[in-house]
Amino acid sequence: MNITIGIPAYKAECHICDCISSIQIQTIKKDLSVIVASDHPEDDYEFLHNRFPDLDITILPCEENTGAGLARQRCIDACKTDWITFIDADDIFYSPFALETMA
């Protein structure tokens, strides 16, 4: 099953690693991709590629703050998988079976 996890992110550099760590431990990892849609022009999430080299992470930078709704829409527009779900950058999947349960 192909799943994308969209993460709208606004000034979330200090929280997003916990979020992505909770994605990294999911039981469903095959065909899993992550899209981080920055919603602040000064945010830089490129460090995530080095921190989580085993995950397929796409970073979508922005030119201006447009809000979480449009950041989510940018994730949808960039999604190349059959399924998409969202998590906020300051949230975590509590269980390693969260995606499996949703699927």
Protein backbone atom coordinates (compact mmCIF):
# COMPACT_ATOMS: atom_id res chain seq x y z
CA MET A 1 0.00 0.00 0.00
CA ASN A 2 1.38 3.40 -0.99
CA ILE A 3 0.90 6.04 1.70
CA THR A 4 2.04 9.65 1.90
CA ILE A 5 2.12 11.50 5.18
CA GLY A 6 1.70 15.24 4.73
CA ILE A 7 3.11 17.56 7.37
CA PRO A 8 2.25 21.26 7.25
CA ALA A 9 5.07 23.00 9.14
CA TYR A 10 5.28 26.53 10.50
CA LYS A 11 8.38 27.36 12.55
CA ALA A 12 8.54 23.69 13.56
CA GLU A 13 12.26 22.91 13.45
CA CYS A 14 12.29 22.10 17.19
CA HIS A 15 9.28 19.71 17.01
CA ILE A 16 9.38 18.06 13.62
CA CYS A 17 12.09 15.50 14.43
CA ASP A 18 9.86 13.94 17.11
CA CYS A 19 7.05 13.80 14.57
CA ILE A 20 9.18 12.15 11.90
CA SER A 21 10.72 9.77 14.43
CA SER A 22 7.18 8.54 15.14
CA ILE A 23 6.76 7.96 11.40
CA GLN A 24 10.08 6.15 11.17
CA ILE A 25 8.98 3.47 13.67
CA GLN A 26 5.74 2.61 11.87
CA THR A 27 5.20 -1.03 10.96
CA ILE A 28 4.22 0.01 7.43
CA LYS A 29 7.35 1.46 5.85
CA LYS A 30 7.31 0.00 2.37
CA ASP A 31 6.12 2.59 -0.14
CA LEU A 32 5.84 5.23 2.59
CA SER A 33 6.67 8.83 1.74
CA VAL A 34 6.66 12.05 3.73
CA ILE A 35 5.95 15.54 2.40
CA VAL A 36 6.84 18.51 4.59
CA ALA A 37 5.13 21.69 3.38
CA SER A 38 6.86 24.65 4.96
CA ASP A 39 4.54 27.55 5.71
CA HIS A 40 7.22 30.05 6.72
CA PRO A 41 9.70 31.42 4.16
CA GLU A 42 12.60 31.39 6.62
CA ASP A 43 12.12 27.76 7.71
CA ASP A 44 14.65 25.27 6.38
CA TYR A 45 13.86 21.59 6.74
CA GLU A 46 16.61 20.23 4.47
CA PHE A 47 18.40 18.83 7.56
CA LEU A 48 15.70 16.14 7.67
CA HIS A 49 17.30 14.35 4.71
CA ASN A 50 20.48 13.79 6.74
CA ARG A 51 18.66 13.03 9.98
CA PHE A 52 16.30 10.47 8.42
CA PRO A 53 18.14 9.04 5.38
CA ASP A 54 15.99 5.89 5.24
CA LEU A 55 12.74 7.83 4.68
CA ASP A 56 11.53 9.29 1.40
CA ILE A 57 11.10 12.94 2.46
CA THR A 58 10.09 15.74 0.11
CA ILE A 59 10.44 19.33 1.32
CA LEU A 60 8.13 21.94 -0.18
CA PRO A 61 9.45 25.44 0.61
CA CYS A 62 7.21 28.48 0.42
CA GLU A 63 7.59 32.14 -0.48
CA GLU A 64 5.01 33.44 1.98
CA ASN A 65 2.87 32.28 4.89
CA THR A 66 -0.48 31.07 3.55
CA GLY A 67 -1.82 29.00 6.46
CA ALA A 68 -2.12 25.33 7.31
CA GLY A 69 -4.97 24.69 4.87
CA LEU A 70 -2.97 25.70 1.82
CA ALA A 71 0.10 23.89 3.14
CA ARG A 72 -2.03 20.72 3.29
CA GLN A 73 -3.28 21.39 -0.23
CA ARG A 74 0.33 21.67 -1.44
CA CYS A 75 0.96 18.24 0.11
CA ILE A 76 -2.04 16.84 -1.76
CA ASP A 77 -0.88 18.39 -5.03
CA ALA A 78 2.62 16.87 -4.61
CA CYS A 79 1.34 13.45 -3.52
CA LYS A 80 2.17 10.58 -5.87
CA THR A 81 0.72 7.72 -3.84
CA ASP A 82 -2.72 6.13 -3.63
CA TRP A 83 -3.36 7.32 -0.08
CA ILE A 84 -2.52 10.41 1.99
CA THR A 85 -2.90 11.25 5.65
CA PHE A 86 -1.77 14.25 7.65
CA ILE A 87 -0.05 14.90 10.93
CA ASP A 88 0.87 18.25 12.43
CA ALA A 89 4.58 18.95 12.84
CA ASP A 90 4.24 19.16 16.64
CA ASP A 91 2.31 15.89 16.94
CA ILE A 92 3.33 12.22 16.90
CA PHE A 93 1.86 8.86 16.01
CA TYR A 94 1.52 7.36 19.48
CA SER A 95 1.67 3.75 18.35
CA PRO A 96 3.96 2.08 15.82
CA PHE A 97 0.78 0.46 14.46
CA ALA A 98 -1.03 3.77 13.75
CA LEU A 99 -0.66 3.64 9.96
CA GLU A 100 -1.35 -0.07 9.86
CA THR A 101 -4.55 0.49 11.84
CA MET A 102 -5.63 3.34 9.54
CA ALA A 103 -4.87 1.23 6.45
